N, C-alpha and C. Protein backbone atom coordinates (compact mmCIF):
# COMPACT_ATOMS: atom_id res chain seq x y z
N MET A 1 15.26 2.81 -2.59
CA MET A 1 13.97 2.97 -3.23
C MET A 1 13.78 1.93 -4.34
N VAL A 2 14.83 1.58 -5.05
CA VAL A 2 14.73 0.61 -6.13
C VAL A 2 14.35 -0.77 -5.58
N ILE A 3 14.95 -1.14 -4.46
CA ILE A 3 14.63 -2.43 -3.85
C ILE A 3 13.17 -2.44 -3.39
N ARG A 4 12.75 -1.34 -2.80
CA ARG A 4 11.37 -1.25 -2.32
C ARG A 4 10.38 -1.32 -3.50
N LEU A 5 10.72 -0.64 -4.61
CA LEU A 5 9.87 -0.69 -5.80
C LEU A 5 9.83 -2.12 -6.36
N PHE A 6 10.97 -2.81 -6.34
CA PHE A 6 11.01 -4.20 -6.80
C PHE A 6 10.10 -5.08 -5.94
N LYS A 7 10.19 -4.91 -4.62
CA LYS A 7 9.33 -5.69 -3.71
C LYS A 7 7.86 -5.37 -3.97
N PHE A 8 7.56 -4.08 -4.09
CA PHE A 8 6.19 -3.64 -4.34
C PHE A 8 5.68 -4.25 -5.65
N GLY A 9 6.52 -4.21 -6.67
CA GLY A 9 6.15 -4.79 -7.97
C GLY A 9 5.98 -6.29 -7.91
N SER A 10 6.84 -6.96 -7.13
CA SER A 10 6.72 -8.42 -6.96
C SER A 10 5.40 -8.79 -6.31
N ILE A 11 5.03 -8.03 -5.30
CA ILE A 11 3.75 -8.27 -4.64
C ILE A 11 2.62 -7.92 -5.60
N GLY A 12 2.82 -6.90 -6.40
CA GLY A 12 1.84 -6.57 -7.43
C GLY A 12 1.62 -7.71 -8.40
N CYS A 13 2.70 -8.42 -8.73
CA CYS A 13 2.56 -9.61 -9.61
C CYS A 13 1.72 -10.68 -8.93
N LEU A 14 1.95 -10.88 -7.65
CA LEU A 14 1.10 -11.82 -6.91
C LEU A 14 -0.35 -11.33 -6.89
N GLY A 15 -0.51 -10.02 -6.71
CA GLY A 15 -1.85 -9.44 -6.74
C GLY A 15 -2.54 -9.69 -8.08
N PHE A 16 -1.76 -9.62 -9.15
CA PHE A 16 -2.30 -9.91 -10.48
C PHE A 16 -2.80 -11.35 -10.54
N ILE A 17 -2.08 -12.26 -9.93
CA ILE A 17 -2.50 -13.67 -9.92
C ILE A 17 -3.79 -13.83 -9.10
N TRP A 18 -3.84 -13.19 -7.92
CA TRP A 18 -5.05 -13.27 -7.10
C TRP A 18 -6.22 -12.61 -7.81
N ASP A 19 -5.96 -11.48 -8.45
CA ASP A 19 -6.97 -10.75 -9.19
C ASP A 19 -7.54 -11.64 -10.30
N SER A 20 -6.66 -12.21 -11.09
CA SER A 20 -7.08 -13.07 -12.21
C SER A 20 -7.83 -14.30 -11.72
N ALA A 21 -7.31 -14.95 -10.71
CA ALA A 21 -7.95 -16.16 -10.18
C ALA A 21 -9.35 -15.85 -9.65
N THR A 22 -9.49 -14.72 -9.00
CA THR A 22 -10.80 -14.34 -8.46
C THR A 22 -11.78 -14.04 -9.59
N VAL A 23 -11.32 -13.31 -10.62
CA VAL A 23 -12.20 -13.02 -11.76
C VAL A 23 -12.66 -14.32 -12.41
N TYR A 24 -11.71 -15.19 -12.70
CA TYR A 24 -12.07 -16.45 -13.36
C TYR A 24 -12.94 -17.33 -12.46
N GLY A 25 -12.69 -17.29 -11.15
CA GLY A 25 -13.48 -18.10 -10.23
C GLY A 25 -14.90 -17.59 -10.04
N LEU A 26 -15.06 -16.27 -10.00
CA LEU A 26 -16.39 -15.70 -9.74
C LEU A 26 -17.20 -15.43 -11.00
N ARG A 27 -16.55 -15.29 -12.12
CA ARG A 27 -17.23 -14.92 -13.37
C ARG A 27 -18.45 -15.79 -13.68
N PRO A 28 -18.38 -17.11 -13.54
CA PRO A 28 -19.57 -17.92 -13.85
C PRO A 28 -20.76 -17.64 -12.92
N PHE A 29 -20.49 -17.12 -11.74
CA PHE A 29 -21.55 -16.90 -10.75
C PHE A 29 -22.05 -15.47 -10.71
N THR A 30 -21.16 -14.50 -10.95
CA THR A 30 -21.53 -13.09 -10.77
C THR A 30 -21.51 -12.30 -12.07
N GLY A 31 -20.93 -12.85 -13.13
CA GLY A 31 -20.74 -12.09 -14.36
C GLY A 31 -19.38 -11.40 -14.33
N LEU A 32 -18.93 -10.95 -15.47
CA LEU A 32 -17.60 -10.39 -15.60
C LEU A 32 -17.42 -9.08 -14.83
N THR A 33 -18.39 -8.18 -14.90
CA THR A 33 -18.25 -6.88 -14.24
C THR A 33 -18.16 -7.01 -12.73
N ALA A 34 -19.07 -7.72 -12.12
CA ALA A 34 -19.06 -7.89 -10.66
C ALA A 34 -17.82 -8.66 -10.22
N ALA A 35 -17.45 -9.69 -10.96
CA ALA A 35 -16.26 -10.48 -10.60
C ALA A 35 -15.02 -9.60 -10.61
N THR A 36 -14.94 -8.69 -11.59
CA THR A 36 -13.78 -7.80 -11.70
C THR A 36 -13.72 -6.83 -10.53
N LEU A 37 -14.85 -6.30 -10.10
CA LEU A 37 -14.86 -5.38 -8.95
C LEU A 37 -14.50 -6.11 -7.65
N ILE A 38 -15.09 -7.25 -7.43
CA ILE A 38 -14.79 -8.03 -6.22
C ILE A 38 -13.32 -8.42 -6.19
N ALA A 39 -12.81 -8.83 -7.34
CA ALA A 39 -11.42 -9.27 -7.43
C ALA A 39 -10.44 -8.17 -7.05
N TYR A 40 -10.78 -6.92 -7.38
CA TYR A 40 -9.89 -5.82 -7.01
C TYR A 40 -9.72 -5.77 -5.49
N PHE A 41 -10.79 -5.88 -4.74
CA PHE A 41 -10.69 -5.78 -3.28
C PHE A 41 -9.98 -6.99 -2.67
N VAL A 42 -10.15 -8.15 -3.27
CA VAL A 42 -9.41 -9.33 -2.81
C VAL A 42 -7.92 -9.10 -3.01
N ALA A 43 -7.54 -8.71 -4.22
CA ALA A 43 -6.12 -8.49 -4.53
C ALA A 43 -5.55 -7.34 -3.72
N ALA A 44 -6.29 -6.25 -3.58
CA ALA A 44 -5.80 -5.08 -2.84
C ALA A 44 -5.56 -5.43 -1.37
N THR A 45 -6.43 -6.22 -0.79
CA THR A 45 -6.27 -6.61 0.62
C THR A 45 -5.03 -7.48 0.80
N LEU A 46 -4.86 -8.46 -0.07
CA LEU A 46 -3.68 -9.32 0.03
C LEU A 46 -2.40 -8.53 -0.26
N ASN A 47 -2.45 -7.60 -1.21
CA ASN A 47 -1.28 -6.76 -1.50
C ASN A 47 -0.93 -5.89 -0.30
N TRP A 48 -1.94 -5.30 0.33
CA TRP A 48 -1.67 -4.47 1.50
C TRP A 48 -0.97 -5.29 2.58
N LEU A 49 -1.50 -6.48 2.84
CA LEU A 49 -0.93 -7.31 3.90
C LEU A 49 0.53 -7.66 3.62
N LEU A 50 0.82 -8.12 2.42
CA LEU A 50 2.21 -8.49 2.09
C LEU A 50 3.13 -7.27 2.06
N ASN A 51 2.64 -6.13 1.57
CA ASN A 51 3.47 -4.92 1.58
C ASN A 51 3.75 -4.49 3.01
N ARG A 52 2.79 -4.63 3.87
CA ARG A 52 2.98 -4.29 5.29
C ARG A 52 4.04 -5.19 5.93
N LEU A 53 3.98 -6.49 5.60
CA LEU A 53 4.88 -7.46 6.22
C LEU A 53 6.26 -7.53 5.56
N TRP A 54 6.39 -7.15 4.30
CA TRP A 54 7.67 -7.33 3.59
C TRP A 54 8.24 -6.02 3.04
N THR A 55 7.53 -5.37 2.15
CA THR A 55 8.06 -4.19 1.47
C THR A 55 8.36 -3.05 2.44
N PHE A 56 7.43 -2.78 3.34
CA PHE A 56 7.55 -1.64 4.25
C PHE A 56 7.68 -2.07 5.71
N ARG A 57 8.26 -3.25 5.95
CA ARG A 57 8.30 -3.76 7.32
C ARG A 57 9.17 -2.91 8.25
N GLU A 58 10.15 -2.19 7.71
CA GLU A 58 11.02 -1.39 8.56
C GLU A 58 10.40 -0.05 8.95
N VAL A 59 9.26 0.27 8.36
CA VAL A 59 8.59 1.53 8.68
C VAL A 59 7.82 1.34 9.98
N GLU A 60 8.21 2.13 10.97
CA GLU A 60 7.56 2.03 12.28
C GLU A 60 6.24 2.78 12.22
N SER A 61 5.16 2.05 12.36
CA SER A 61 3.84 2.65 12.28
C SER A 61 3.04 2.24 13.51
N PHE A 62 2.37 3.20 14.09
CA PHE A 62 1.56 2.93 15.27
C PHE A 62 0.07 2.92 14.91
N ASP A 63 -0.22 2.93 13.60
CA ASP A 63 -1.61 2.89 13.16
C ASP A 63 -2.20 1.50 13.38
N HIS A 64 -3.47 1.48 13.67
CA HIS A 64 -4.19 0.21 13.75
C HIS A 64 -4.21 -0.39 12.34
N PRO A 65 -4.04 -1.70 12.21
CA PRO A 65 -4.02 -2.32 10.88
C PRO A 65 -5.26 -2.01 10.02
N LEU A 66 -6.44 -1.97 10.62
CA LEU A 66 -7.63 -1.66 9.82
C LEU A 66 -7.60 -0.23 9.30
N ARG A 67 -7.08 0.67 10.09
CA ARG A 67 -6.95 2.06 9.65
C ARG A 67 -5.96 2.14 8.49
N GLN A 68 -4.85 1.42 8.61
CA GLN A 68 -3.85 1.43 7.55
C GLN A 68 -4.39 0.77 6.28
N TRP A 69 -5.14 -0.33 6.43
CA TRP A 69 -5.75 -1.00 5.28
C TRP A 69 -6.70 -0.05 4.56
N ALA A 70 -7.53 0.65 5.33
CA ALA A 70 -8.47 1.61 4.72
C ALA A 70 -7.72 2.72 4.00
N ARG A 71 -6.64 3.21 4.62
CA ARG A 71 -5.83 4.25 3.99
C ARG A 71 -5.18 3.72 2.71
N PHE A 72 -4.78 2.44 2.71
CA PHE A 72 -4.22 1.81 1.52
C PHE A 72 -5.25 1.82 0.38
N LEU A 73 -6.49 1.44 0.70
CA LEU A 73 -7.53 1.43 -0.33
C LEU A 73 -7.83 2.83 -0.84
N VAL A 74 -7.89 3.81 0.07
CA VAL A 74 -8.17 5.19 -0.34
C VAL A 74 -7.00 5.76 -1.15
N ALA A 75 -5.79 5.58 -0.65
CA ALA A 75 -4.62 6.13 -1.34
C ALA A 75 -4.44 5.51 -2.71
N ASN A 76 -4.79 4.24 -2.83
CA ASN A 76 -4.62 3.55 -4.10
C ASN A 76 -5.85 3.66 -4.99
N SER A 77 -6.77 4.55 -4.62
CA SER A 77 -7.96 4.72 -5.47
C SER A 77 -7.57 5.30 -6.84
N LEU A 78 -6.53 6.12 -6.91
CA LEU A 78 -6.06 6.61 -8.21
C LEU A 78 -5.57 5.43 -9.05
N GLY A 79 -4.79 4.56 -8.43
CA GLY A 79 -4.33 3.37 -9.13
C GLY A 79 -5.51 2.48 -9.52
N PHE A 80 -6.52 2.42 -8.63
CA PHE A 80 -7.73 1.66 -8.95
C PHE A 80 -8.40 2.22 -10.20
N LEU A 81 -8.54 3.55 -10.25
CA LEU A 81 -9.18 4.17 -11.41
C LEU A 81 -8.38 3.92 -12.69
N LEU A 82 -7.06 4.07 -12.60
CA LEU A 82 -6.22 3.79 -13.76
C LEU A 82 -6.33 2.31 -14.16
N ASN A 83 -6.27 1.44 -13.15
CA ASN A 83 -6.32 0.00 -13.39
C ASN A 83 -7.64 -0.40 -14.04
N ARG A 84 -8.74 -0.13 -13.36
CA ARG A 84 -10.03 -0.63 -13.85
C ARG A 84 -10.53 0.12 -15.08
N SER A 85 -10.18 1.39 -15.24
CA SER A 85 -10.58 2.07 -16.47
C SER A 85 -9.85 1.46 -17.67
N THR A 86 -8.61 1.07 -17.47
CA THR A 86 -7.88 0.36 -18.54
C THR A 86 -8.55 -0.98 -18.83
N VAL A 87 -8.88 -1.72 -17.78
CA VAL A 87 -9.51 -3.03 -17.94
C VAL A 87 -10.83 -2.91 -18.70
N TYR A 88 -11.71 -2.01 -18.23
CA TYR A 88 -13.03 -1.90 -18.86
C TYR A 88 -12.95 -1.32 -20.28
N THR A 89 -12.00 -0.43 -20.50
CA THR A 89 -11.81 0.10 -21.86
C THR A 89 -11.40 -1.02 -22.81
N LEU A 90 -10.49 -1.86 -22.36
CA LEU A 90 -10.06 -2.98 -23.20
C LEU A 90 -11.20 -3.99 -23.40
N PHE A 91 -12.00 -4.22 -22.35
CA PHE A 91 -13.16 -5.10 -22.51
C PHE A 91 -14.10 -4.56 -23.59
N TYR A 92 -14.30 -3.24 -23.57
CA TYR A 92 -15.27 -2.60 -24.46
C TYR A 92 -14.80 -2.61 -25.92
N PHE A 93 -13.53 -2.25 -26.13
CA PHE A 93 -13.04 -2.08 -27.49
C PHE A 93 -12.42 -3.33 -28.12
N PHE A 94 -12.02 -4.29 -27.31
CA PHE A 94 -11.33 -5.46 -27.84
C PHE A 94 -12.00 -6.74 -27.37
N PRO A 95 -12.76 -7.38 -28.23
CA PRO A 95 -13.45 -8.63 -27.86
C PRO A 95 -12.48 -9.70 -27.34
N LEU A 96 -11.26 -9.69 -27.83
CA LEU A 96 -10.26 -10.65 -27.35
C LEU A 96 -10.08 -10.53 -25.83
N CYS A 97 -10.13 -9.30 -25.31
CA CYS A 97 -9.96 -9.08 -23.87
C CYS A 97 -11.17 -9.56 -23.08
N ARG A 98 -12.35 -9.57 -23.69
CA ARG A 98 -13.52 -10.14 -23.01
C ARG A 98 -13.39 -11.66 -22.96
N ASP A 99 -12.85 -12.24 -24.02
CA ASP A 99 -12.67 -13.69 -24.06
C ASP A 99 -11.52 -14.14 -23.16
N TYR A 100 -10.49 -13.31 -23.07
CA TYR A 100 -9.30 -13.60 -22.25
C TYR A 100 -9.04 -12.41 -21.33
N PRO A 101 -9.80 -12.28 -20.25
CA PRO A 101 -9.68 -11.12 -19.36
C PRO A 101 -8.27 -10.91 -18.80
N VAL A 102 -7.46 -11.95 -18.76
CA VAL A 102 -6.11 -11.82 -18.21
C VAL A 102 -5.30 -10.75 -18.95
N ILE A 103 -5.57 -10.56 -20.23
CA ILE A 103 -4.85 -9.54 -21.01
C ILE A 103 -5.19 -8.15 -20.47
N ALA A 104 -6.47 -7.89 -20.29
CA ALA A 104 -6.90 -6.59 -19.77
C ALA A 104 -6.45 -6.39 -18.33
N LEU A 105 -6.48 -7.45 -17.54
CA LEU A 105 -6.05 -7.35 -16.14
C LEU A 105 -4.56 -7.02 -16.03
N ALA A 106 -3.75 -7.60 -16.91
CA ALA A 106 -2.31 -7.30 -16.91
C ALA A 106 -2.07 -5.84 -17.27
N ALA A 107 -2.75 -5.36 -18.29
CA ALA A 107 -2.60 -3.95 -18.70
C ALA A 107 -3.05 -3.01 -17.58
N GLY A 108 -4.13 -3.36 -16.92
CA GLY A 108 -4.62 -2.54 -15.80
C GLY A 108 -3.65 -2.51 -14.64
N SER A 109 -3.04 -3.64 -14.35
CA SER A 109 -2.06 -3.70 -13.26
C SER A 109 -0.87 -2.79 -13.53
N LEU A 110 -0.38 -2.81 -14.73
CA LEU A 110 0.75 -1.93 -15.09
C LEU A 110 0.36 -0.46 -15.02
N ALA A 111 -0.86 -0.15 -15.44
CA ALA A 111 -1.32 1.24 -15.43
C ALA A 111 -1.35 1.81 -14.01
N GLY A 112 -1.71 0.99 -13.03
CA GLY A 112 -1.82 1.49 -11.66
C GLY A 112 -0.57 1.35 -10.81
N LEU A 113 0.45 0.64 -11.28
CA LEU A 113 1.62 0.30 -10.45
C LEU A 113 2.34 1.52 -9.88
N ILE A 114 2.76 2.42 -10.73
CA ILE A 114 3.58 3.56 -10.26
C ILE A 114 2.78 4.48 -9.35
N ALA A 115 1.54 4.76 -9.71
CA ALA A 115 0.71 5.61 -8.85
C ALA A 115 0.52 4.96 -7.48
N ASN A 116 0.24 3.67 -7.47
CA ASN A 116 0.04 2.97 -6.20
C ASN A 116 1.31 2.96 -5.35
N PHE A 117 2.47 2.75 -5.97
CA PHE A 117 3.72 2.72 -5.22
C PHE A 117 3.98 4.07 -4.56
N ASN A 118 3.90 5.13 -5.34
CA ASN A 118 4.17 6.47 -4.79
C ASN A 118 3.21 6.84 -3.68
N LEU A 119 1.94 6.57 -3.86
CA LEU A 119 0.96 6.91 -2.83
C LEU A 119 1.10 6.02 -1.60
N SER A 120 1.42 4.76 -1.80
CA SER A 120 1.62 3.87 -0.65
C SER A 120 2.81 4.31 0.18
N GLU A 121 3.88 4.70 -0.48
CA GLU A 121 5.09 5.11 0.23
C GLU A 121 4.87 6.42 0.99
N LYS A 122 4.13 7.34 0.40
CA LYS A 122 3.97 8.67 1.01
C LYS A 122 2.80 8.77 1.99
N ILE A 123 1.76 7.97 1.78
CA ILE A 123 0.55 8.14 2.59
C ILE A 123 0.27 6.95 3.51
N VAL A 124 0.47 5.74 3.01
CA VAL A 124 0.05 4.55 3.77
C VAL A 124 1.13 4.06 4.71
N PHE A 125 2.30 3.75 4.16
CA PHE A 125 3.37 3.15 4.94
C PHE A 125 4.40 4.21 5.30
N ARG A 126 3.96 5.21 6.02
CA ARG A 126 4.84 6.27 6.45
C ARG A 126 5.05 6.13 7.95
N LYS A 127 6.15 6.67 8.40
CA LYS A 127 6.41 6.61 9.84
C LYS A 127 5.42 7.52 10.55
N THR A 128 4.79 6.99 11.57
CA THR A 128 3.85 7.79 12.36
C THR A 128 4.45 8.04 13.73
N ILE A 129 3.95 9.05 14.37
CA ILE A 129 4.48 9.45 15.67
C ILE A 129 3.61 8.88 16.76
N SER A 130 4.25 8.24 17.71
CA SER A 130 3.54 7.67 18.85
C SER A 130 3.22 8.78 19.84
N SER A 131 2.15 8.61 20.58
CA SER A 131 1.79 9.61 21.58
C SER A 131 2.68 9.51 22.82
N ALA A 132 3.25 8.36 23.07
CA ALA A 132 4.13 8.18 24.22
C ALA A 132 5.54 7.91 23.72
N PRO A 133 6.55 8.45 24.41
CA PRO A 133 7.92 8.18 23.96
C PRO A 133 8.28 6.71 24.18
N SER A 134 9.06 6.20 23.27
CA SER A 134 9.51 4.81 23.42
C SER A 134 10.64 4.76 24.43
N PRO A 135 11.00 3.58 24.94
CA PRO A 135 12.10 3.48 25.90
C PRO A 135 13.41 4.02 25.33
N ASP A 136 13.63 3.86 24.03
CA ASP A 136 14.85 4.39 23.41
C ASP A 136 14.89 5.90 23.48
N GLN A 137 13.73 6.53 23.31
CA GLN A 137 13.68 7.99 23.34
C GLN A 137 13.96 8.52 24.74
N THR A 138 13.50 7.83 25.78
CA THR A 138 13.69 8.33 27.14
C THR A 138 15.09 8.06 27.65
N SER A 139 15.76 7.02 27.14
CA SER A 139 17.10 6.69 27.64
C SER A 139 18.16 7.63 27.08
N ASN A 140 17.86 8.34 26.01
CA ASN A 140 18.83 9.25 25.41
C ASN A 140 18.73 10.68 25.94
N VAL A 141 17.84 10.91 26.88
CA VAL A 141 17.67 12.25 27.42
C VAL A 141 18.82 12.56 28.38
N GLN A 142 19.51 13.64 28.12
CA GLN A 142 20.63 14.05 28.96
C GLN A 142 20.12 15.03 30.02
N PRO A 143 20.54 14.88 31.26
CA PRO A 143 20.12 15.84 32.28
C PRO A 143 20.79 17.19 32.00
N GLU A 144 20.06 18.23 32.35
CA GLU A 144 20.63 19.58 32.16
C GLU A 144 21.74 19.80 33.18
N PRO A 145 22.82 20.48 32.76
CA PRO A 145 23.90 20.76 33.74
C PRO A 145 23.38 21.71 34.81
N GLU A 146 23.94 21.53 36.00
CA GLU A 146 23.53 22.37 37.11
C GLU A 146 24.05 23.78 36.88
N LYS A 147 23.20 24.73 37.18
CA LYS A 147 23.61 26.12 37.04
C LYS A 147 24.21 26.56 38.37
N THR A 148 25.37 27.19 38.30
CA THR A 148 25.98 27.69 39.53
C THR A 148 25.81 29.19 39.56
N SER A 149 25.52 29.65 40.71
CA SER A 149 25.39 31.11 40.85
C SER A 149 26.66 31.64 41.49
N PRO A 150 27.06 32.81 41.10
CA PRO A 150 28.29 33.37 41.70
C PRO A 150 28.08 33.61 43.20
N THR A 151 29.07 33.35 43.95
CA THR A 151 28.99 33.55 45.40
C THR A 151 29.67 34.85 45.75
N LYS A 152 29.40 35.32 46.94
CA LYS A 152 30.00 36.56 47.41
C LYS A 152 31.50 36.40 47.65
N ASP A 153 31.92 35.16 47.97
CA ASP A 153 33.33 34.94 48.27
C ASP A 153 34.20 35.01 47.02
N ALA A 154 33.62 34.91 45.84
CA ALA A 154 34.41 34.83 44.61
C ALA A 154 34.95 36.19 44.23
N ALA A 155 34.71 37.21 44.94
CA ALA A 155 35.15 38.56 44.57
C ALA A 155 36.55 38.82 44.87
């Protein structure tokens, strides 16, 4: 679990970079509020993809990727609320954070990390059951032993 949390956190750091870059890139065109909302979805999508490919790659899942991505966004909505409420609170109360949004974005990322990890592990990247047995499952089936009935001669 510690290794998985480290991987998740490492990808979260990359997400912080994507989040920040998107905010700074879009801010002149959309304003700070819209740029911050758009940036969350950019970072969340890239985080989901990397977590799927690296952090949780050993989890056998038969879900369609779009379904899993949607579940990632829904499951991490608590982390989103913690993240963005921290960001907007810091924007509101601390002018320094409006001038340097990266400070608020870092605080928001930390606020949502643990909630997102726990929910991702339990809800998003969980082992799912296939409707058809895999070849491994069918090759391990043992035939039932033949039942013998007592014969009249055995008396």
